[in-house]
Amino acid sequence: MWKLEKEFRFEASHQLPHHEGKCRRLHGHSWVGRIVCEGNELKTSGSETGMILDYEEIKKAISPLNLEYLDHWHLNETLKLENPTTEEVARWIYDRIKPKLPLLTAVILEETCTARCEYRP
């Protein structure tokens, strides 16, 4: 079994209206995400020989979402999530890129340097 991870980053604001703490207020993060793909067979022909997947395919799957919904956006609005916790954002990303990446197994999302979530359905 091989596991690939491709990192992406975005700056975004959100607020958690159901939270009792300070995250109820509008605030932002420098988010770091990782797309995780796994497979047990390497390709044996073409330009992807010796790979389970070209990292470029992962980049192609996440880049449009990053541009149109994540980077420098207010996540409550663009993701249409009332309470966009890190857990909900990770699941939102996973659900949208899974059709493009059949080998996708997880989305890991850090909202701070000490707080991380991993979503695996």
PDB file of N, CA and C in Angstrom:
ATOM      1  N   MET A   1       0.852  -1.183   0.000  1.00  0.00           N
ATOM      2  CA  MET A   1       0.000   0.000   0.000  1.00  0.00           C
ATOM      3  C   MET A   1       0.889   1.234   0.000  1.00  0.00           C
ATOM      4  N   TRP A   2       0.549   2.188  -0.847  1.00  0.00           N
ATOM      5  CA  TRP A   2       1.235   3.471  -0.889  1.00  0.00           C
ATOM      6  C   TRP A   2       0.261   4.561  -0.478  1.00  0.00           C
ATOM      7  N   LYS A   3       0.789   5.578   0.177  1.00  0.00           N
ATOM      8  CA  LYS A   3      -0.021   6.724   0.587  1.00  0.00           C
ATOM      9  C   LYS A   3       0.658   7.993   0.081  1.00  0.00           C
ATOM     10  N   LEU A   4      -0.095   8.796  -0.667  1.00  0.00           N
ATOM     11  CA  LEU A   4       0.383  10.090  -1.151  1.00  0.00           C
ATOM     12  C   LEU A   4      -0.339  11.188  -0.386  1.00  0.00           C
ATOM     13  N   GLU A   5       0.380  12.257  -0.107  1.00  0.00           N
ATOM     14  CA  GLU A   5      -0.231  13.434   0.502  1.00  0.00           C
ATOM     15  C   GLU A   5       0.203  14.664  -0.282  1.00  0.00           C
ATOM     16  N   LYS A   6      -0.745  15.494  -0.613  1.00  0.00           N
ATOM     17  CA  LYS A   6      -0.459  16.754  -1.315  1.00  0.00           C
ATOM     18  C   LYS A   6      -1.017  17.886  -0.460  1.00  0.00           C
ATOM     19  N   GLU A   7      -0.157  18.827  -0.137  1.00  0.00           N
ATOM     20  CA  GLU A   7      -0.541  19.939   0.726  1.00  0.00           C
ATOM     21  C   GLU A   7      -1.099  21.095  -0.081  1.00  0.00           C
ATOM     22  N   PHE A   8      -2.053  21.805   0.516  1.00  0.00           N
ATOM     23  CA  PHE A   8      -2.564  23.052  -0.043  1.00  0.00           C
ATOM     24  C   PHE A   8      -2.807  24.007   1.120  1.00  0.00           C
ATOM     25  N   ARG A   9      -2.852  25.280   0.832  1.00  0.00           N
ATOM     26  CA  ARG A   9      -3.010  26.303   1.875  1.00  0.00           C
ATOM     27  C   ARG A   9      -4.040  27.335   1.441  1.00  0.00           C
ATOM     28  N   PHE A  10      -4.696  27.913   2.438  1.00  0.00           N
ATOM     29  CA  PHE A  10      -5.598  29.018   2.148  1.00  0.00           C
ATOM     30  C   PHE A  10      -5.811  29.868   3.391  1.00  0.00           C
ATOM     31  N   GLU A  11      -6.136  31.120   3.148  1.00  0.00           N
ATOM     32  CA  GLU A  11      -6.478  32.081   4.201  1.00  0.00           C
ATOM     33  C   GLU A  11      -7.981  32.288   4.100  1.00  0.00           C
ATOM     34  N   ALA A  12      -8.679  32.138   5.232  1.00  0.00           N
ATOM     35  CA  ALA A  12     -10.131  32.301   5.177  1.00  0.00           C
ATOM     36  C   ALA A  12     -10.684  32.659   6.553  1.00  0.00           C
ATOM     37  N   SER A  13     -11.823  33.322   6.533  1.00  0.00           N
ATOM     38  CA  SER A  13     -12.530  33.646   7.773  1.00  0.00           C
ATOM     39  C   SER A  13     -13.721  32.712   7.932  1.00  0.00           C
ATOM     40  N   HIS A  14     -14.174  32.615   9.172  1.00  0.00           N
ATOM     41  CA  HIS A  14     -15.412  31.912   9.482  1.00  0.00           C
ATOM     42  C   HIS A  14     -15.856  32.337  10.872  1.00  0.00           C
ATOM     43  N   GLN A  15     -17.033  31.929  11.243  1.00  0.00           N
ATOM     44  CA  GLN A  15     -17.515  32.105  12.596  1.00  0.00           C
ATOM     45  C   GLN A  15     -18.424  30.938  12.921  1.00  0.00           C
ATOM     46  N   LEU A  16     -18.430  30.552  14.169  1.00  0.00           N
ATOM     47  CA  LEU A  16     -19.199  29.388  14.618  1.00  0.00           C
ATOM     48  C   LEU A  16     -20.322  29.865  15.535  1.00  0.00           C
ATOM     49  N   PRO A  17     -21.494  30.172  14.967  1.00  0.00           N
ATOM     50  CA  PRO A  17     -22.563  30.790  15.757  1.00  0.00           C
ATOM     51  C   PRO A  17     -23.103  29.912  16.892  1.00  0.00           C
ATOM     52  N   HIS A  18     -22.868  28.613  16.841  1.00  0.00           N
ATOM     53  CA  HIS A  18     -23.369  27.725  17.897  1.00  0.00           C
ATOM     54  C   HIS A  18     -22.344  27.512  19.006  1.00  0.00           C
ATOM     55  N   HIS A  19     -21.152  28.033  18.837  1.00  0.00           N
ATOM     56  CA  HIS A  19     -20.065  27.823  19.797  1.00  0.00           C
ATOM     57  C   HIS A  19     -20.215  28.792  20.974  1.00  0.00           C
ATOM     58  N   GLU A  20     -19.940  28.296  22.178  1.00  0.00           N
ATOM     59  CA  GLU A  20     -20.049  29.126  23.377  1.00  0.00           C
ATOM     60  C   GLU A  20     -18.811  29.992  23.604  1.00  0.00           C
ATOM     61  N   GLY A  21     -17.713  29.715  22.907  1.00  0.00           N
ATOM     62  CA  GLY A  21     -16.462  30.429  23.151  1.00  0.00           C
ATOM     63  C   GLY A  21     -16.194  31.532  22.143  1.00  0.00           C
ATOM     64  N   LYS A  22     -14.924  31.923  22.081  1.00  0.00           N
ATOM     65  CA  LYS A  22     -14.531  33.056  21.242  1.00  0.00           C
ATOM     66  C   LYS A  22     -14.672  32.784  19.748  1.00  0.00           C
ATOM     67  N   CYS A  23     -14.714  31.524  19.350  1.00  0.00           N
ATOM     68  CA  CYS A  23     -14.869  31.208  17.919  1.00  0.00           C
ATOM     69  C   CYS A  23     -16.259  31.548  17.394  1.00  0.00           C
ATOM     70  N   ARG A  24     -17.129  31.982  18.292  1.00  0.00           N
ATOM     71  CA  ARG A  24     -18.455  32.459  17.878  1.00  0.00           C
ATOM     72  C   ARG A  24     -18.311  33.759  17.072  1.00  0.00           C
ATOM     73  N   ARG A  25     -17.253  34.511  17.399  1.00  0.00           N
ATOM     74  CA  ARG A  25     -17.011  35.787  16.713  1.00  0.00           C
ATOM     75  C   ARG A  25     -16.325  35.540  15.363  1.00  0.00           C
ATOM     76  N   LEU A  26     -16.483  36.471  14.453  1.00  0.00           N
ATOM     77  CA  LEU A  26     -15.813  36.419  13.156  1.00  0.00           C
ATOM     78  C   LEU A  26     -14.305  36.427  13.370  1.00  0.00           C
ATOM     79  N   HIS A  27     -13.612  35.480  12.748  1.00  0.00           N
ATOM     80  CA  HIS A  27     -12.151  35.396  12.850  1.00  0.00           C
ATOM     81  C   HIS A  27     -11.618  34.641  11.645  1.00  0.00           C
ATOM     82  N   GLY A  28     -10.303  34.634  11.493  1.00  0.00           N
ATOM     83  CA  GLY A  28      -9.716  33.963  10.344  1.00  0.00           C
ATOM     84  C   GLY A  28      -8.558  33.073  10.735  1.00  0.00           C
ATOM     85  N   HIS A  29      -8.154  32.229   9.783  1.00  0.00           N
ATOM     86  CA  HIS A  29      -7.048  31.308   9.990  1.00  0.00           C
ATOM     87  C   HIS A  29      -6.196  31.240   8.728  1.00  0.00           C
ATOM     88  N   SER A  30      -4.968  30.815   8.914  1.00  0.00           N
ATOM     89  CA  SER A  30      -4.099  30.400   7.818  1.00  0.00           C
ATOM     90  C   SER A  30      -4.189  28.873   7.800  1.00  0.00           C
ATOM     91  N   TRP A  31      -5.101  28.349   7.019  1.00  0.00           N
ATOM     92  CA  TRP A  31      -5.400  26.925   6.987  1.00  0.00           C
ATOM     93  C   TRP A  31      -4.338  26.173   6.173  1.00  0.00           C
ATOM     94  N   VAL A  32      -4.032  24.968   6.604  1.00  0.00           N
ATOM     95  CA  VAL A  32      -3.161  24.064   5.851  1.00  0.00           C
ATOM     96  C   VAL A  32      -3.929  22.764   5.682  1.00  0.00           C
ATOM     97  N   GLY A  33      -4.073  22.327   4.435  1.00  0.00           N
ATOM     98  CA  GLY A  33      -4.787  21.086   4.153  1.00  0.00           C
ATOM     99  C   GLY A  33      -3.884  20.065   3.495  1.00  0.00           C
ATOM    100  N   ARG A  34      -4.262  18.818   3.648  1.00  0.00           N
ATOM    101  CA  ARG A  34      -3.567  17.727   2.965  1.00  0.00           C
ATOM    102  C   ARG A  34      -4.620  16.807   2.362  1.00  0.00           C
ATOM    103  N   ILE A  35      -4.406  16.484   1.114  1.00  0.00           N
ATOM    104  CA  ILE A  35      -5.238  15.507   0.421  1.00  0.00           C
ATOM    105  C   ILE A  35      -4.484  14.189   0.485  1.00  0.00           C
ATOM    106  N   VAL A  36      -5.130  13.146   0.968  1.00  0.00           N
ATOM    107  CA  VAL A  36      -4.486  11.840   1.146  1.00  0.00           C
ATOM    108  C   VAL A  36      -5.119  10.837   0.183  1.00  0.00           C
ATOM    109  N   CYS A  37      -4.286  10.221  -0.637  1.00  0.00           N
ATOM    110  CA  CYS A  37      -4.716   9.176  -1.566  1.00  0.00           C
ATOM    111  C   CYS A  37      -3.908   7.914  -1.287  1.00  0.00           C
ATOM    112  N   GLU A  38      -4.560   6.760  -1.387  1.00  0.00           N
ATOM    113  CA  GLU A  38      -3.884   5.491  -1.130  1.00  0.00           C
ATOM    114  C   GLU A  38      -4.220   4.487  -2.218  1.00  0.00           C
ATOM    115  N   GLY A  39      -3.240   3.624  -2.497  1.00  0.00           N
ATOM    116  CA  GLY A  39      -3.457   2.577  -3.487  1.00  0.00           C
ATOM    117  C   GLY A  39      -2.446   1.470  -3.320  1.00  0.00           C
ATOM    118  N   ASN A  40      -2.778   0.283  -3.836  1.00  0.00           N
ATOM    119  CA  ASN A  40      -1.849  -0.845  -3.707  1.00  0.00           C
ATOM    120  C   ASN A  40      -1.296  -1.318  -5.036  1.00  0.00           C
ATOM    121  N   GLU A  41      -1.500  -0.557  -6.093  1.00  0.00           N
ATOM    122  CA  GLU A  41      -0.932  -0.952  -7.379  1.00  0.00           C
ATOM    123  C   GLU A  41      -0.299   0.250  -8.061  1.00  0.00           C
ATOM    124  N   LEU A  42       0.888   0.047  -8.578  1.00  0.00           N
ATOM    125  CA  LEU A  42       1.558   1.081  -9.354  1.00  0.00           C
ATOM    126  C   LEU A  42       1.189   0.927 -10.824  1.00  0.00           C
ATOM    127  N   LYS A  43       1.077   2.039 -11.501  1.00  0.00           N
ATOM    128  CA  LYS A  43       0.790   1.998 -12.934  1.00  0.00           C
ATOM    129  C   LYS A  43       2.012   1.443 -13.654  1.00  0.00           C
ATOM    130  N   THR A  44       1.751   0.693 -14.697  1.00  0.00           N
ATOM    131  CA  THR A  44       2.845  -0.002 -15.391  1.00  0.00           C
ATOM    132  C   THR A  44       3.094   0.508 -16.798  1.00  0.00           C
ATOM    133  N   SER A  45       2.365   1.553 -17.193  1.00  0.00           N
ATOM    134  CA  SER A  45       2.602   2.100 -18.531  1.00  0.00           C
ATOM    135  C   SER A  45       2.298   3.590 -18.548  1.00  0.00           C
ATOM    136  N   GLY A  46       2.765   4.240 -19.576  1.00  0.00           N
ATOM    137  CA  GLY A  46       2.506   5.660 -19.752  1.00  0.00           C
ATOM    138  C   GLY A  46       3.371   6.541 -18.870  1.00  0.00           C
ATOM    139  N   SER A  47       3.032   7.820 -18.836  1.00  0.00           N
ATOM    140  CA  SER A  47       3.850   8.784 -18.099  1.00  0.00           C
ATOM    141  C   SER A  47       3.738   8.625 -16.582  1.00  0.00           C
ATOM    142  N   GLU A  48       2.773   7.848 -16.127  1.00  0.00           N
ATOM    143  CA  GLU A  48       2.603   7.625 -14.687  1.00  0.00           C
ATOM    144  C   GLU A  48       3.172   6.275 -14.240  1.00  0.00           C
ATOM    145  N   THR A  49       4.012   5.668 -15.066  1.00  0.00           N
ATOM    146  CA  THR A  49       4.635   4.393 -14.697  1.00  0.00           C
ATOM    147  C   THR A  49       5.345   4.536 -13.353  1.00  0.00           C
ATOM    148  N   GLY A  50       5.098   3.589 -12.470  1.00  0.00           N
ATOM    149  CA  GLY A  50       5.715   3.606 -11.151  1.00  0.00           C
ATOM    150  C   GLY A  50       4.991   4.461 -10.131  1.00  0.00           C
ATOM    151  N   MET A  51       3.833   5.005 -10.494  1.00  0.00           N
ATOM    152  CA  MET A  51       3.050   5.863  -9.589  1.00  0.00           C
ATOM    153  C   MET A  51       1.695   5.224  -9.319  1.00  0.00           C
ATOM    154  N   ILE A  52       1.110   5.543  -8.170  1.00  0.00           N
ATOM    155  CA  ILE A  52      -0.305   5.198  -7.992  1.00  0.00           C
ATOM    156  C   ILE A  52      -1.172   6.304  -8.578  1.00  0.00           C
ATOM    157  N   LEU A  53      -0.613   7.526  -8.564  1.00  0.00           N
ATOM    158  CA  LEU A  53      -1.335   8.698  -9.031  1.00  0.00           C
ATOM    159  C   LEU A  53      -0.333   9.832  -9.186  1.00  0.00           C
ATOM    160  N   ASP A  54      -0.495  10.627 -10.199  1.00  0.00           N
ATOM    161  CA  ASP A  54       0.364  11.800 -10.398  1.00  0.00           C
ATOM    162  C   ASP A  54      -0.093  12.898  -9.427  1.00  0.00           C
ATOM    163  N   TYR A  55       0.845  13.494  -8.708  1.00  0.00           N
ATOM    164  CA  TYR A  55       0.498  14.590  -7.790  1.00  0.00           C
ATOM    165  C   TYR A  55      -0.260  15.704  -8.506  1.00  0.00           C
ATOM    166  N   GLU A  56      -0.007  15.869  -9.782  1.00  0.00           N
ATOM    167  CA  GLU A  56      -0.697  16.900 -10.558  1.00  0.00           C
ATOM    168  C   GLU A  56      -2.212  16.674 -10.569  1.00  0.00           C
ATOM    169  N   GLU A  57      -2.648  15.416 -10.551  1.00  0.00           N
ATOM    170  CA  GLU A  57      -4.084  15.115 -10.510  1.00  0.00           C
ATOM    171  C   GLU A  57      -4.704  15.590  -9.199  1.00  0.00           C
ATOM    172  N   ILE A  58      -3.968  15.458  -8.121  1.00  0.00           N
ATOM    173  CA  ILE A  58      -4.455  15.947  -6.828  1.00  0.00           C
ATOM    174  C   ILE A  58      -4.566  17.468  -6.872  1.00  0.00           C
ATOM    175  N   LYS A  59      -3.538  18.099  -7.402  1.00  0.00           N
ATOM    176  CA  LYS A  59      -3.545  19.555  -7.520  1.00  0.00           C
ATOM    177  C   LYS A  59      -4.725  20.036  -8.367  1.00  0.00           C
ATOM    178  N   LYS A  60      -4.987  19.348  -9.479  1.00  0.00           N
ATOM    179  CA  LYS A  60      -6.108  19.720 -10.351  1.00  0.00           C
ATOM    180  C   LYS A  60      -7.453  19.579  -9.645  1.00  0.00           C
ATOM    181  N   ALA A  61      -7.558  18.644  -8.715  1.00  0.00           N
ATOM    182  CA  ALA A  61      -8.818  18.432  -7.999  1.00  0.00           C
ATOM    183  C   ALA A  61      -9.063  19.518  -6.951  1.00  0.00           C
ATOM    184  N   ILE A  62      -8.022  19.939  -6.235  1.00  0.00           N
ATOM    185  CA  ILE A  62      -8.208  20.893  -5.141  1.00  0.00           C
ATOM    186  C   ILE A  62      -8.110  22.354  -5.589  1.00  0.00           C
ATOM    187  N   SER A  63      -7.338  22.647  -6.604  1.00  0.00           N
ATOM    188  CA  SER A  63      -7.104  24.044  -6.996  1.00  0.00           C
ATOM    189  C   SER A  63      -8.370  24.841  -7.299  1.00  0.00           C
ATOM    190  N   PRO A  64      -9.327  24.319  -8.076  1.00  0.00           N
ATOM    191  CA  PRO A  64     -10.537  25.112  -8.341  1.00  0.00           C
ATOM    192  C   PRO A  64     -11.344  25.406  -7.069  1.00  0.00           C
ATOM    193  N   LEU A  65     -11.403  24.452  -6.152  1.00  0.00           N
ATOM    194  CA  LEU A  65     -12.120  24.689  -4.897  1.00  0.00           C
ATOM    195  C   LEU A  65     -11.410  25.761  -4.080  1.00  0.00           C
ATOM    196  N   ASN A  66     -10.097  25.684  -4.060  1.00  0.00           N
ATOM    197  CA  ASN A  66      -9.324  26.661  -3.311  1.00  0.00           C
ATOM    198  C   ASN A  66      -9.566  28.070  -3.848  1.00  0.00           C
ATOM    199  N   LEU A  67      -9.540  28.198  -5.142  1.00  0.00           N
ATOM    200  CA  LEU A  67      -9.715  29.496  -5.792  1.00  0.00           C
ATOM    201  C   LEU A  67     -11.137  30.041  -5.625  1.00  0.00           C
ATOM    202  N   GLU A  68     -12.135  29.204  -5.833  1.00  0.00           N
ATOM    203  CA  GLU A  68     -13.525  29.674  -5.892  1.00  0.00           C
ATOM    204  C   GLU A  68     -14.274  29.672  -4.567  1.00  0.00           C
ATOM    205  N   TYR A  69     -13.785  28.898  -3.564  1.00  0.00           N
ATOM    206  CA  TYR A  69     -14.552  28.765  -2.329  1.00  0.00           C
ATOM    207  C   TYR A  69     -13.756  28.955  -1.037  1.00  0.00           C
ATOM    208  N   LEU A  70     -12.439  28.743  -1.083  1.00  0.00           N
ATOM    209  CA  LEU A  70     -11.674  28.698   0.159  1.00  0.00           C
ATOM    210  C   LEU A  70     -10.764  29.911   0.370  1.00  0.00           C
ATOM    211  N   ASP A  71      -9.817  30.131  -0.516  1.00  0.00           N
ATOM    212  CA  ASP A  71      -8.779  31.130  -0.272  1.00  0.00           C
ATOM    213  C   ASP A  71      -9.317  32.558  -0.336  1.00  0.00           C
ATOM    214  N   HIS A  72      -9.185  33.276   0.782  1.00  0.00           N
ATOM    215  CA  HIS A  72      -9.640  34.653   0.947  1.00  0.00           C
ATOM    216  C   HIS A  72     -11.166  34.789   0.794  1.00  0.00           C
ATOM    217  N   TRP A  73     -11.868  33.801   1.329  1.00  0.00           N
ATOM    218  CA  TRP A  73     -13.334  33.833   1.362  1.00  0.00           C
ATOM    219  C   TRP A  73     -13.810  33.689   2.804  1.00  0.00           C
ATOM    220  N   HIS A  74     -15.066  34.057   3.017  1.00  0.00           N
ATOM    221  CA  HIS A  74     -15.744  33.831   4.305  1.00  0.00           C
ATOM    222  C   HIS A  74     -16.489  32.504   4.172  1.00  0.00           C
ATOM    223  N   LEU A  75     -16.005  31.487   4.862  1.00  0.00           N
ATOM    224  CA  LEU A  75     -16.478  30.119   4.639  1.00  0.00           C
ATOM    225  C   LEU A  75     -17.958  29.920   4.946  1.00  0.00           C
ATOM    226  N   ASN A  76     -18.503  30.662   5.879  1.00  0.00           N
ATOM    227  CA  ASN A  76     -19.940  30.543   6.151  1.00  0.00           C
ATOM    228  C   ASN A  76     -20.743  30.824   4.888  1.00  0.00           C
ATOM    229  N   GLU A  77     -20.270  31.776   4.090  1.00  0.00           N
ATOM    230  CA  GLU A  77     -20.985  32.159   2.871  1.00  0.00           C
ATOM    231  C   GLU A  77     -20.667  31.238   1.696  1.00  0.00           C
ATOM    232  N   THR A  78     -19.388  31.036   1.407  1.00  0.00           N
ATOM    233  CA  THR A  78     -19.036  30.306   0.186  1.00  0.00           C
ATOM    234  C   THR A  78     -19.336  28.816   0.276  1.00  0.00           C
ATOM    235  N   LEU A  79     -19.197  28.226   1.474  1.00  0.00           N
ATOM    236  CA  LEU A  79     -19.470  26.788   1.605  1.00  0.00           C
ATOM    237  C   LEU A  79     -20.927  26.528   1.945  1.00  0.00           C
ATOM    238  N   LYS A  80     -21.661  27.610   2.224  1.00  0.00           N
ATOM    239  CA  LYS A  80     -23.069  27.512   2.592  1.00  0.00           C
ATOM    240  C   LYS A  80     -23.263  26.597   3.807  1.00  0.00           C
ATOM    241  N   LEU A  81     -22.344  26.749   4.761  1.00  0.00           N
ATOM    242  CA  LEU A  81     -22.419  26.009   6.011  1.00  0.00           C
ATOM    243  C   LEU A  81     -22.740  27.001   7.119  1.00  0.00           C
ATOM    244  N   GLU A  82     -23.748  26.698   7.900  1.00  0.00           N
ATOM    245  CA  GLU A  82     -24.130  27.594   8.985  1.00  0.00           C
ATOM    246  C   GLU A  82     -23.048  27.661  10.059  1.00  0.00           C
ATOM    247  N   ASN A  83     -22.419  26.517  10.335  1.00  0.00           N
ATOM    248  CA  ASN A  83     -21.451  26.405  11.420  1.00  0.00           C
ATOM    249  C   ASN A  83     -20.199  25.685  10.899  1.00  0.00           C
ATOM    250  N   PRO A  84     -19.378  26.377  10.085  1.00  0.00           N
ATOM    251  CA  PRO A  84     -18.263  25.715   9.391  1.00  0.00           C
ATOM    252  C   PRO A  84     -17.067  25.400  10.297  1.00  0.00           C
ATOM    253  N   THR A  85     -17.234  24.374  11.113  1.00  0.00           N
ATOM    254  CA  THR A  85     -16.134  23.884  11.933  1.00  0.00           C
ATOM    255  C   THR A  85     -15.071  23.275  11.025  1.00  0.00           C
ATOM    256  N   THR A  86     -13.904  23.051  11.568  1.00  0.00           N
ATOM    257  CA  THR A  86     -12.850  22.403  10.789  1.00  0.00           C
ATOM    258  C   THR A  86     -13.326  21.045  10.297  1.00  0.00           C
ATOM    259  N   GLU A  87     -14.071  20.331  11.138  1.00  0.00           N
ATOM    260  CA  GLU A  87     -14.600  19.017  10.763  1.00  0.00           C
ATOM    261  C   GLU A  87     -15.532  19.120   9.557  1.00  0.00           C
ATOM    262  N   GLU A  88     -16.421  20.108   9.581  1.00  0.00           N
ATOM    263  CA  GLU A  88     -17.363  20.279   8.472  1.00  0.00           C
ATOM    264  C   GLU A  88     -16.661  20.723   7.192  1.00  0.00           C
ATOM    265  N   VAL A  89     -15.657  21.581   7.320  1.00  0.00           N
ATOM    266  CA  VAL A  89     -14.921  22.045   6.137  1.00  0.00           C
ATOM    267  C   VAL A  89     -14.151  20.888   5.513  1.00  0.00           C
ATOM    268  N   ALA A  90     -13.526  20.054   6.344  1.00  0.00           N
ATOM    269  CA  ALA A  90     -12.795  18.887   5.821  1.00  0.00           C
ATOM    270  C   ALA A  90     -13.739  17.955   5.068  1.00  0.00           C
ATOM    271  N   ARG A  91     -14.922  17.712   5.629  1.00  0.00           N
ATOM    272  CA  ARG A  91     -15.894  16.845   4.950  1.00  0.00           C
ATOM    273  C   ARG A  91     -16.387  17.492   3.650  1.00  0.00           C
ATOM    274  N   TRP A  92     -16.616  18.804   3.672  1.00  0.00           N
ATOM    275  CA  TRP A  92     -17.057  19.519   2.473  1.00  0.00           C
ATOM    276  C   TRP A  92     -16.040  19.333   1.353  1.00  0.00           C
ATOM    277  N   ILE A  93     -14.758  19.502   1.667  1.00  0.00           N
ATOM    278  CA  ILE A  93     -13.700  19.333   0.664  1.00  0.00           C
ATOM    279  C   ILE A  93     -13.688  17.896   0.153  1.00  0.00           C
ATOM    280  N   TYR A  94     -13.714  16.930   1.058  1.00  0.00           N
ATOM    281  CA  TYR A  94     -13.674  15.515   0.673  1.00  0.00           C
ATOM    282  C   TYR A  94     -14.814  15.185  -0.302  1.00  0.00           C
ATOM    283  N   ASP A  95     -16.018  15.589   0.054  1.00  0.00           N
ATOM    284  CA  ASP A  95     -17.192  15.253  -0.771  1.00  0.00           C
ATOM    285  C   ASP A  95     -17.089  15.812  -2.186  1.00  0.00           C
ATOM    286  N   ARG A  96     -16.427  16.934  -2.347  1.00  0.00           N
ATOM    287  CA  ARG A  96     -16.332  17.539  -3.673  1.00  0.00           C
ATOM    288  C   ARG A  96     -15.176  17.025  -4.515  1.00  0.00           C
ATOM    289  N   ILE A  97     -14.115  16.527  -3.896  1.00  0.00           N
ATOM    290  CA  ILE A  97     -13.003  16.041  -4.718  1.00  0.00           C
ATOM    291  C   ILE A  97     -12.991  14.523  -4.884  1.00  0.00           C
ATOM    292  N   LYS A  98     -13.759  13.801  -4.086  1.00  0.00           N
ATOM    293  CA  LYS A  98     -13.782  12.335  -4.201  1.00  0.00           C
ATOM    294  C   LYS A  98     -14.155  11.870  -5.614  1.00  0.00           C
ATOM    295  N   PRO A  99     -15.145  12.483  -6.283  1.00  0.00           N
ATOM    296  CA  PRO A  99     -15.452  12.036  -7.646  1.00  0.00           C
ATOM    297  C   PRO A  99     -14.282  12.184  -8.622  1.00  0.00           C
ATOM    298  N   LYS A 100     -13.393  13.136  -8.375  1.00  0.00           N
ATOM    299  CA  LYS A 100     -12.245  13.351  -9.254  1.00  0.00           C
ATOM    300  C   LYS A 100     -11.042  12.502  -8.858  1.00  0.00           C
ATOM    301  N   LEU A 101     -11.028  12.015  -7.619  1.00  0.00           N
ATOM    302  CA  LEU A 101      -9.893  11.254  -7.090  1.00  0.00           C
ATOM    303  C   LEU A 101     -10.391   9.958  -6.442  1.00  0.00           C
ATOM    304  N   PRO A 102     -10.606   8.920  -7.217  1.00  0.00           N
ATOM    305  CA  PRO A 102     -11.110   7.667  -6.644  1.00  0.00           C
ATOM    306  C   PRO A 102     -10.226   7.084  -5.538  1.00  0.00           C
ATOM    307  N   LEU A 103      -8.920   7.405  -5.543  1.00  0.00           N
ATOM    308  CA  LEU A 103      -8.018   6.879  -4.521  1.00  0.00           C
ATOM    309  C   LEU A 103      -7.998   7.738  -3.250  1.00  0.00           C
ATOM    310  N   LEU A 104      -8.815   8.790  -3.205  1.00  0.00           N
ATOM    311  CA  LEU A 104      -8.877   9.660  -2.033  1.00  0.00           C
ATOM    312  C   LEU A 104      -9.348   8.873  -0.811  1.00  0.00           C
ATOM    313  N   THR A 105      -8.602   8.986   0.292  1.00  0.00           N
ATOM    314  CA  THR A 105      -9.005   8.313   1.533  1.00  0.00           C
ATOM    315  C   THR A 105      -9.233   9.286   2.680  1.00  0.00           C
ATOM    316  N   ALA A 106      -8.651  10.479   2.615  1.00  0.00           N
ATOM    317  CA  ALA A 106      -8.810  11.412   3.735  1.00  0.00           C
ATOM    318  C   ALA A 106      -8.486  12.835   3.315  1.00  0.00           C
ATOM    319  N   VAL A 107      -9.039  13.764   4.080  1.00  0.00           N
ATOM    320  CA  VAL A 107      -8.655  15.166   4.014  1.00  0.00           C
ATOM    321  C   VAL A 107      -8.241  15.557   5.422  1.00  0.00           C
ATOM    322  N   ILE A 108      -7.040  16.100   5.527  1.00  0.00           N
ATOM    323  CA  ILE A 108      -6.523  16.582   6.805  1.00  0.00           C
ATOM    324  C   ILE A 108      -6.510  18.098   6.729  1.00  0.00           C
ATOM    325  N   LEU A 109      -7.030  18.748   7.765  1.00  0.00           N
ATOM    326  CA  LEU A 109      -7.144  20.192   7.734  1.00  0.00           C
ATOM    327  C   LEU A 109      -6.680  20.771   9.071  1.00  0.00           C
ATOM    328  N   GLU A 110      -5.727  21.708   9.001  1.00  0.00           N
ATOM    329  CA  GLU A 110      -5.230  22.410  10.182  1.00  0.00           C
ATOM    330  C   GLU A 110      -5.748  23.838  10.137  1.00  0.00           C
ATOM    331  N   GLU A 111      -6.382  24.265  11.211  1.00  0.00           N
ATOM    332  CA  GLU A 111      -6.817  25.663  11.261  1.00  0.00           C
ATOM    333  C   GLU A 111      -5.808  26.523  12.007  1.00  0.00           C
ATOM    334  N   THR A 112      -4.993  25.897  12.846  1.00  0.00           N
ATOM    335  CA  THR A 112      -3.881  26.573  13.510  1.00  0.00           C
ATOM    336  C   THR A 112      -2.708  25.600  13.528  1.00  0.00           C
ATOM    337  N   CYS A 113      -1.567  26.079  14.018  1.00  0.00           N
ATOM    338  CA  CYS A 113      -0.397  25.199  14.066  1.00  0.00           C
ATOM    339  C   CYS A 113      -0.530  24.113  15.136  1.00  0.00           C
ATOM    340  N   THR A 114      -1.547  24.198  15.991  1.00  0.00           N
ATOM    341  CA  THR A 114      -1.722  23.192  17.042  1.00  0.00           C
ATOM    342  C   THR A 114      -3.063  22.458  16.980  1.00  0.00           C
ATOM    343  N   ALA A 115      -3.901  22.776  16.005  1.00  0.00           N
ATOM    344  CA  ALA A 115      -5.243  22.169  15.925  1.00  0.00           C
ATOM    345  C   ALA A 115      -5.471  21.580  14.538  1.00  0.00           C
ATOM    346  N   ARG A 116      -5.746  20.281  14.490  1.00  0.00           N
ATOM    347  CA  ARG A 116      -5.833  19.553  13.225  1.00  0.00           C
ATOM    348  C   ARG A 116      -7.022  18.588  13.266  1.00  0.00           C
ATOM    349  N   CYS A 117      -7.625  18.383  12.108  1.00  0.00           N
ATOM    350  CA  CYS A 117      -8.721  17.437  11.949  1.00  0.00           C
ATOM    351  C   CYS A 117      -8.428  16.544  10.754  1.00  0.00           C
ATOM    352  N   GLU A 118      -8.747  15.265  10.874  1.00  0.00           N
ATOM    353  CA  GLU A 118      -8.641  14.353   9.745  1.00  0.00           C
ATOM    354  C   GLU A 118     -10.010  13.748   9.494  1.00  0.00           C
ATOM    355  N   TYR A 119     -10.486  13.899   8.275  1.00  0.00           N
ATOM    356  CA  TYR A 119     -11.789  13.323   7.899  1.00  0.00           C
ATOM    357  C   TYR A 119     -11.563  12.124   6.996  1.00  0.00           C
ATOM    358  N   ARG A 120     -12.083  10.979   7.424  1.00  0.00           N
ATOM    359  CA  ARG A 120     -12.142   9.754   6.627  1.00  0.00           C
ATOM    360  C   ARG A 120     -13.561   9.215   6.740  1.00  0.00           C
ATOM    361  N   PRO A 121     -14.254   9.095   5.641  1.00  0.00           N
ATOM    362  CA  PRO A 121     -15.626   8.569   5.764  1.00  0.00           C
ATOM    363  C   PRO A 121     -15.646   7.111   6.201  1.00  0.00           C
TER     364      PRO A 121
END
